[in-house]
Amino acid sequence: MDTYLDTERLVLRRFTDGDADLLIELDGDPAVMRYLSGGEPTAPEVVRERHLPNILAGYDKWGGDLGLFAAHEKDGGAFIGWFILRPEAEGPLDEVELGYRLRQAAWGKGYATEGSRALLRKAFTELGVRMVWADTMSVNRGSRNVMEKVGMTLAESIPTPPDMAKVEGAEFGGVRYEITKEQWERR
């Protein structure tokens, strides 16, 4: 396994072209997709033909240091989901998004917090990042709790994207959390 990052209980690695089925399974769970697509699964051909190629291209674009990373339990190697640490498409490299999507079996075990803390540490100590941001639906309390646990603070409310209008809680919009390197160092 091409390890990108190690935590106490997780190994994060770069995705490979053979990982489509992992992503299809993850995005096929209505509970996982609840606040992303209203529970609609991502079509397998979209994962194979668009999502996975974009993930792999991101490693080339950002030198392998930023992108979307597969997360596995150290104990047994089970795929639990993914974490993201990357800039916006045309954004500055020192402002990156933090995100995560985990299988239901991994919920409530502290993995999102553990992986996010490790990625913040890497961003601020190794990658020259100045600020990390994350966003979610206002009603996604689980994701908001993770952002708060890792020291991010609510920066602003954001409108719901038009393609997410059918998602539960869309009428309440979204929220953006942020943490700067200086804030992280003071924690």
C-alpha atoms as a PDB file:
ATOM      1  CA  MET A   1       0.000   0.000   0.000  1.00  0.00           C
ATOM      2  CA  ASP A   2       1.369   3.400  -1.019  1.00  0.00           C
ATOM      3  CA  THR A   3       0.959   5.145   2.353  1.00  0.00           C
ATOM      4  CA  TYR A   4       0.296   8.869   2.251  1.00  0.00           C
ATOM      5  CA  LEU A   5      -0.378   9.318   5.967  1.00  0.00           C
ATOM      6  CA  ASP A   6      -0.437   7.128   9.047  1.00  0.00           C
ATOM      7  CA  THR A   7      -2.502   7.769  12.188  1.00  0.00           C
ATOM      8  CA  GLU A   8      -2.996   5.700  15.310  1.00  0.00           C
ATOM      9  CA  ARG A   9      -5.739   3.581  13.705  1.00  0.00           C
ATOM     10  CA  LEU A  10      -5.782   4.575  10.032  1.00  0.00           C
ATOM     11  CA  VAL A  11      -3.673   4.416   6.901  1.00  0.00           C
ATOM     12  CA  LEU A  12      -4.409   6.931   4.159  1.00  0.00           C
ATOM     13  CA  ARG A  13      -3.176   6.134   0.666  1.00  0.00           C
ATOM     14  CA  ARG A  14      -3.543   7.458  -2.841  1.00  0.00           C
ATOM     15  CA  PHE A  15      -6.333   5.907  -4.872  1.00  0.00           C
ATOM     16  CA  THR A  16      -5.389   3.726  -7.847  1.00  0.00           C
ATOM     17  CA  ASP A  17      -7.229   2.951 -11.072  1.00  0.00           C
ATOM     18  CA  GLY A  18      -8.333  -0.340  -9.504  1.00  0.00           C
ATOM     19  CA  ASP A  19     -10.329   1.321  -6.711  1.00  0.00           C
ATOM     20  CA  ALA A  20     -13.576   2.116  -8.563  1.00  0.00           C
ATOM     21  CA  ASP A  21     -15.552  -0.562  -6.725  1.00  0.00           C
ATOM     22  CA  LEU A  22     -14.638   0.916  -3.331  1.00  0.00           C
ATOM     23  CA  LEU A  23     -15.966   4.307  -4.408  1.00  0.00           C
ATOM     24  CA  ILE A  24     -19.063   2.807  -6.034  1.00  0.00           C
ATOM     25  CA  GLU A  25     -19.926   0.959  -2.828  1.00  0.00           C
ATOM     26  CA  LEU A  26     -19.378   4.066  -0.692  1.00  0.00           C
ATOM     27  CA  ASP A  27     -21.436   6.352  -2.952  1.00  0.00           C
ATOM     28  CA  GLY A  28     -24.094   3.651  -3.322  1.00  0.00           C
ATOM     29  CA  ASP A  29     -25.173   3.879   0.318  1.00  0.00           C
ATOM     30  CA  PRO A  30     -28.201   6.199   0.662  1.00  0.00           C
ATOM     31  CA  ALA A  31     -27.234   7.087   4.261  1.00  0.00           C
ATOM     32  CA  VAL A  32     -23.722   8.131   3.173  1.00  0.00           C
ATOM     33  CA  MET A  33     -25.185  10.240   0.350  1.00  0.00           C
ATOM     34  CA  ARG A  34     -27.949  11.779   2.506  1.00  0.00           C
ATOM     35  CA  TYR A  35     -26.498  15.302   2.681  1.00  0.00           C
ATOM     36  CA  LEU A  36     -24.793  15.124  -0.724  1.00  0.00           C
ATOM     37  CA  SER A  37     -27.429  13.926  -3.160  1.00  0.00           C
ATOM     38  CA  GLY A  38     -30.510  13.370  -1.035  1.00  0.00           C
ATOM     39  CA  GLY A  39     -29.584   9.677  -0.798  1.00  0.00           C
ATOM     40  CA  GLU A  40     -29.278   9.072  -4.544  1.00  0.00           C
ATOM     41  CA  PRO A  41     -26.328   6.792  -5.349  1.00  0.00           C
ATOM     42  CA  THR A  42     -23.650   7.924  -7.756  1.00  0.00           C
ATOM     43  CA  ALA A  43     -23.951   5.915 -10.958  1.00  0.00           C
ATOM     44  CA  PRO A  44     -21.095   3.393 -11.316  1.00  0.00           C
ATOM     45  CA  GLU A  45     -20.180   4.712 -14.773  1.00  0.00           C
ATOM     46  CA  VAL A  46     -19.845   8.245 -13.341  1.00  0.00           C
ATOM     47  CA  VAL A  47     -17.416   6.930 -10.725  1.00  0.00           C
ATOM     48  CA  ARG A  48     -15.419   4.950 -13.312  1.00  0.00           C
ATOM     49  CA  GLU A  49     -15.424   7.510 -16.137  1.00  0.00           C
ATOM     50  CA  ARG A  50     -15.353  10.825 -14.277  1.00  0.00           C
ATOM     51  CA  HIS A  51     -14.719  10.702 -10.521  1.00  0.00           C
ATOM     52  CA  LEU A  52     -11.813   8.246 -10.358  1.00  0.00           C
ATOM     53  CA  PRO A  53      -9.951   9.751 -13.342  1.00  0.00           C
ATOM     54  CA  ASN A  54     -10.328  13.214 -11.725  1.00  0.00           C
ATOM     55  CA  ILE A  55      -8.983  11.890  -8.419  1.00  0.00           C
ATOM     56  CA  LEU A  56      -5.948  10.366 -10.146  1.00  0.00           C
ATOM     57  CA  ALA A  57      -5.343  13.528 -12.205  1.00  0.00           C
ATOM     58  CA  GLY A  58      -5.323  15.532  -8.977  1.00  0.00           C
ATOM     59  CA  TYR A  59      -2.222  13.705  -7.761  1.00  0.00           C
ATOM     60  CA  ASP A  60      -0.367  14.795 -10.882  1.00  0.00           C
ATOM     61  CA  LYS A  61      -1.708  18.333 -10.641  1.00  0.00           C
ATOM     62  CA  TRP A  62      -0.651  18.787  -6.996  1.00  0.00           C
ATOM     63  CA  GLY A  63       2.441  16.581  -6.905  1.00  0.00           C
ATOM     64  CA  GLY A  64       0.786  13.802  -4.905  1.00  0.00           C
ATOM     65  CA  ASP A  65       0.703  15.894  -1.722  1.00  0.00           C
ATOM     66  CA  LEU A  66      -2.888  17.057  -2.088  1.00  0.00           C
ATOM     67  CA  GLY A  67      -6.022  15.297  -3.264  1.00  0.00           C
ATOM     68  CA  LEU A  68      -8.432  12.560  -2.228  1.00  0.00           C
ATOM     69  CA  PHE A  69      -7.042   9.674  -0.165  1.00  0.00           C
ATOM     70  CA  ALA A  70      -8.458   6.225   0.570  1.00  0.00           C
ATOM     71  CA  ALA A  71      -8.701   5.454   4.291  1.00  0.00           C
ATOM     72  CA  HIS A  72      -8.214   1.950   5.683  1.00  0.00           C
ATOM     73  CA  GLU A  73      -8.252   0.619   9.221  1.00  0.00           C
ATOM     74  CA  LYS A  74      -4.772  -0.423  10.306  1.00  0.00           C
ATOM     75  CA  ASP A  75      -6.285  -3.376  12.145  1.00  0.00           C
ATOM     76  CA  GLY A  76      -7.558  -5.632   9.342  1.00  0.00           C
ATOM     77  CA  GLY A  77      -7.201  -3.194   6.454  1.00  0.00           C
ATOM     78  CA  ALA A  78     -10.917  -2.534   5.877  1.00  0.00           C
ATOM     79  CA  PHE A  79     -11.705   0.383   3.556  1.00  0.00           C
ATOM     80  CA  ILE A  80     -13.623   2.932   5.605  1.00  0.00           C
ATOM     81  CA  GLY A  81     -13.930   5.810   3.130  1.00  0.00           C
ATOM     82  CA  TRP A  82     -11.859   8.770   2.065  1.00  0.00           C
ATOM     83  CA  PHE A  83     -10.394  12.072   3.181  1.00  0.00           C
ATOM     84  CA  ILE A  84      -9.704  15.100   1.041  1.00  0.00           C
ATOM     85  CA  LEU A  85      -7.083  17.804   1.381  1.00  0.00           C
ATOM     86  CA  ARG A  86      -6.910  19.939  -1.744  1.00  0.00           C
ATOM     87  CA  PRO A  87      -7.255  23.481  -3.065  1.00  0.00           C
ATOM     88  CA  GLU A  88     -10.181  24.640  -5.145  1.00  0.00           C
ATOM     89  CA  ALA A  89      -9.740  23.976  -8.875  1.00  0.00           C
ATOM     90  CA  GLU A  90      -8.124  27.338  -9.589  1.00  0.00           C
ATOM     91  CA  GLY A  91      -7.534  28.370  -5.978  1.00  0.00           C
ATOM     92  CA  PRO A  92      -4.294  29.179  -4.180  1.00  0.00           C
ATOM     93  CA  LEU A  93      -2.273  26.161  -3.003  1.00  0.00           C
ATOM     94  CA  ASP A  94      -2.013  27.559   0.535  1.00  0.00           C
ATOM     95  CA  GLU A  95      -5.809  27.455   1.050  1.00  0.00           C
ATOM     96  CA  VAL A  96      -7.126  23.910   1.013  1.00  0.00           C
ATOM     97  CA  GLU A  97     -10.365  22.072   1.635  1.00  0.00           C
ATOM     98  CA  LEU A  98     -10.609  19.369   4.287  1.00  0.00           C
ATOM     99  CA  GLY A  99     -13.310  16.747   3.869  1.00  0.00           C
ATOM    100  CA  TYR A 100     -14.266  13.143   4.521  1.00  0.00           C
ATOM    101  CA  ARG A 101     -16.792  10.549   3.431  1.00  0.00           C
ATOM    102  CA  LEU A 102     -16.972   7.403   5.533  1.00  0.00           C
ATOM    103  CA  ARG A 103     -18.862   4.115   5.304  1.00  0.00           C
ATOM    104  CA  GLN A 104     -21.632   3.701   7.877  1.00  0.00           C
ATOM    105  CA  ALA A 105     -19.640   0.955   9.603  1.00  0.00           C
ATOM    106  CA  ALA A 106     -16.989   3.580  10.414  1.00  0.00           C
ATOM    107  CA  TRP A 107     -19.359   6.203  11.833  1.00  0.00           C
ATOM    108  CA  GLY A 108     -19.170   7.092  15.504  1.00  0.00           C
ATOM    109  CA  LYS A 109     -15.682   5.665  16.014  1.00  0.00           C
ATOM    110  CA  GLY A 110     -13.733   8.927  15.901  1.00  0.00           C
ATOM    111  CA  TYR A 111     -12.146   8.169  12.527  1.00  0.00           C
ATOM    112  CA  ALA A 112     -13.258  11.439  10.897  1.00  0.00           C
ATOM    113  CA  THR A 113     -11.734  13.420  13.752  1.00  0.00           C
ATOM    114  CA  GLU A 114      -8.543  11.333  13.814  1.00  0.00           C
ATOM    115  CA  GLY A 115      -7.974  11.584  10.070  1.00  0.00           C
ATOM    116  CA  SER A 116      -8.837  15.286   9.979  1.00  0.00           C
ATOM    117  CA  ARG A 117      -6.428  16.115  12.812  1.00  0.00           C
ATOM    118  CA  ALA A 118      -3.626  14.273  11.037  1.00  0.00           C
ATOM    119  CA  LEU A 119      -4.344  16.071   7.760  1.00  0.00           C
ATOM    120  CA  LEU A 120      -4.374  19.466   9.486  1.00  0.00           C
ATOM    121  CA  ARG A 121      -0.996  18.647  11.052  1.00  0.00           C
ATOM    122  CA  LYS A 122       0.411  17.634   7.652  1.00  0.00           C
ATOM    123  CA  ALA A 123      -1.051  20.706   5.941  1.00  0.00           C
ATOM    124  CA  PHE A 124       0.381  23.167   8.437  1.00  0.00           C
ATOM    125  CA  THR A 125       3.738  21.508   9.182  1.00  0.00           C
ATOM    126  CA  GLU A 126       4.746  19.948   5.839  1.00  0.00           C
ATOM    127  CA  LEU A 127       2.745  21.443   2.986  1.00  0.00           C
ATOM    128  CA  GLY A 128       3.013  25.207   3.557  1.00  0.00           C
ATOM    129  CA  VAL A 129      -0.737  25.648   3.930  1.00  0.00           C
ATOM    130  CA  ARG A 130      -1.952  28.943   5.421  1.00  0.00           C
ATOM    131  CA  MET A 131      -5.651  28.145   5.845  1.00  0.00           C
ATOM    132  CA  VAL A 132      -7.878  25.056   5.769  1.00  0.00           C
ATOM    133  CA  TRP A 133     -11.624  25.252   5.171  1.00  0.00           C
ATOM    134  CA  ALA A 134     -14.492  22.789   5.120  1.00  0.00           C
ATOM    135  CA  ASP A 135     -18.166  23.063   4.340  1.00  0.00           C
ATOM    136  CA  THR A 136     -21.298  21.030   4.902  1.00  0.00           C
ATOM    137  CA  MET A 137     -25.044  21.348   5.097  1.00  0.00           C
ATOM    138  CA  SER A 138     -26.210  23.354   8.130  1.00  0.00           C
ATOM    139  CA  VAL A 139     -28.233  20.349   9.300  1.00  0.00           C
ATOM    140  CA  ASN A 140     -25.289  17.899   9.090  1.00  0.00           C
ATOM    141  CA  ARG A 141     -24.533  17.987  12.819  1.00  0.00           C
ATOM    142  CA  GLY A 142     -22.152  15.002  12.664  1.00  0.00           C
ATOM    143  CA  SER A 143     -19.843  16.666  10.164  1.00  0.00           C
ATOM    144  CA  ARG A 144     -20.049  20.012  11.961  1.00  0.00           C
ATOM    145  CA  ASN A 145     -19.061  18.306  15.233  1.00  0.00           C
ATOM    146  CA  VAL A 146     -15.911  16.924  13.597  1.00  0.00           C
ATOM    147  CA  MET A 147     -14.967  20.366  12.262  1.00  0.00           C
ATOM    148  CA  GLU A 148     -15.399  21.863  15.725  1.00  0.00           C
ATOM    149  CA  LYS A 149     -13.469  19.047  17.454  1.00  0.00           C
ATOM    150  CA  VAL A 150     -10.426  19.690  15.234  1.00  0.00           C
ATOM    151  CA  GLY A 151     -10.455  23.408  16.081  1.00  0.00           C
ATOM    152  CA  MET A 152     -12.186  24.854  13.034  1.00  0.00           C
ATOM    153  CA  THR A 153     -14.570  27.732  13.625  1.00  0.00           C
ATOM    154  CA  LEU A 154     -17.726  28.738  11.815  1.00  0.00           C
ATOM    155  CA  ALA A 155     -16.760  31.367   9.244  1.00  0.00           C
ATOM    156  CA  GLU A 156     -19.992  31.902   7.340  1.00  0.00           C
ATOM    157  CA  SER A 157     -23.299  30.553   6.144  1.00  0.00           C
ATOM    158  CA  ILE A 158     -23.357  29.612   2.477  1.00  0.00           C
ATOM    159  CA  PRO A 159     -26.233  29.067   0.068  1.00  0.00           C
ATOM    160  CA  THR A 160     -27.231  25.591  -0.970  1.00  0.00           C
ATOM    161  CA  PRO A 161     -25.973  24.854  -4.500  1.00  0.00           C
ATOM    162  CA  PRO A 162     -28.868  24.542  -6.980  1.00  0.00           C
ATOM    163  CA  ASP A 163     -28.017  20.885  -7.716  1.00  0.00           C
ATOM    164  CA  MET A 164     -28.573  20.085  -4.017  1.00  0.00           C
ATOM    165  CA  ALA A 165     -32.015  21.681  -3.701  1.00  0.00           C
ATOM    166  CA  LYS A 166     -33.658  18.268  -3.095  1.00  0.00           C
ATOM    167  CA  VAL A 167     -31.312  17.364  -0.226  1.00  0.00           C
ATOM    168  CA  GLU A 168     -32.857  17.181   3.234  1.00  0.00           C
ATOM    169  CA  GLY A 169     -32.314  20.494   5.016  1.00  0.00           C
ATOM    170  CA  ALA A 170     -31.391  22.355   1.818  1.00  0.00           C
ATOM    171  CA  GLU A 171     -33.647  25.213   2.853  1.00  0.00           C
ATOM    172  CA  PHE A 172     -31.251  25.931   5.746  1.00  0.00           C
ATOM    173  CA  GLY A 173     -28.233  26.277   3.463  1.00  0.00           C
ATOM    174  CA  GLY A 174     -24.699  25.311   4.319  1.00  0.00           C
ATOM    175  CA  VAL A 175     -21.882  26.401   6.574  1.00  0.00           C
ATOM    176  CA  ARG A 176     -18.189  26.985   6.039  1.00  0.00           C
ATOM    177  CA  TYR A 177     -15.637  26.365   8.774  1.00  0.00           C
ATOM    178  CA  GLU A 178     -12.025  27.539   8.719  1.00  0.00           C
ATOM    179  CA  ILE A 179      -8.779  27.319  10.653  1.00  0.00           C
ATOM    180  CA  THR A 180      -5.555  29.188   9.944  1.00  0.00           C
ATOM    181  CA  LYS A 181      -2.057  27.949  10.628  1.00  0.00           C
ATOM    182  CA  GLU A 182      -1.765  30.513  13.453  1.00  0.00           C
ATOM    183  CA  GLN A 183      -5.010  29.315  15.060  1.00  0.00           C
ATOM    184  CA  TRP A 184      -3.891  25.691  14.742  1.00  0.00           C
ATOM    185  CA  GLU A 185      -0.501  26.457  16.338  1.00  0.00           C
ATOM    186  CA  ARG A 186      -2.227  28.112  19.340  1.00  0.00           C
ATOM    187  CA  ARG A 187      -4.359  25.009  20.017  1.00  0.00           C
END
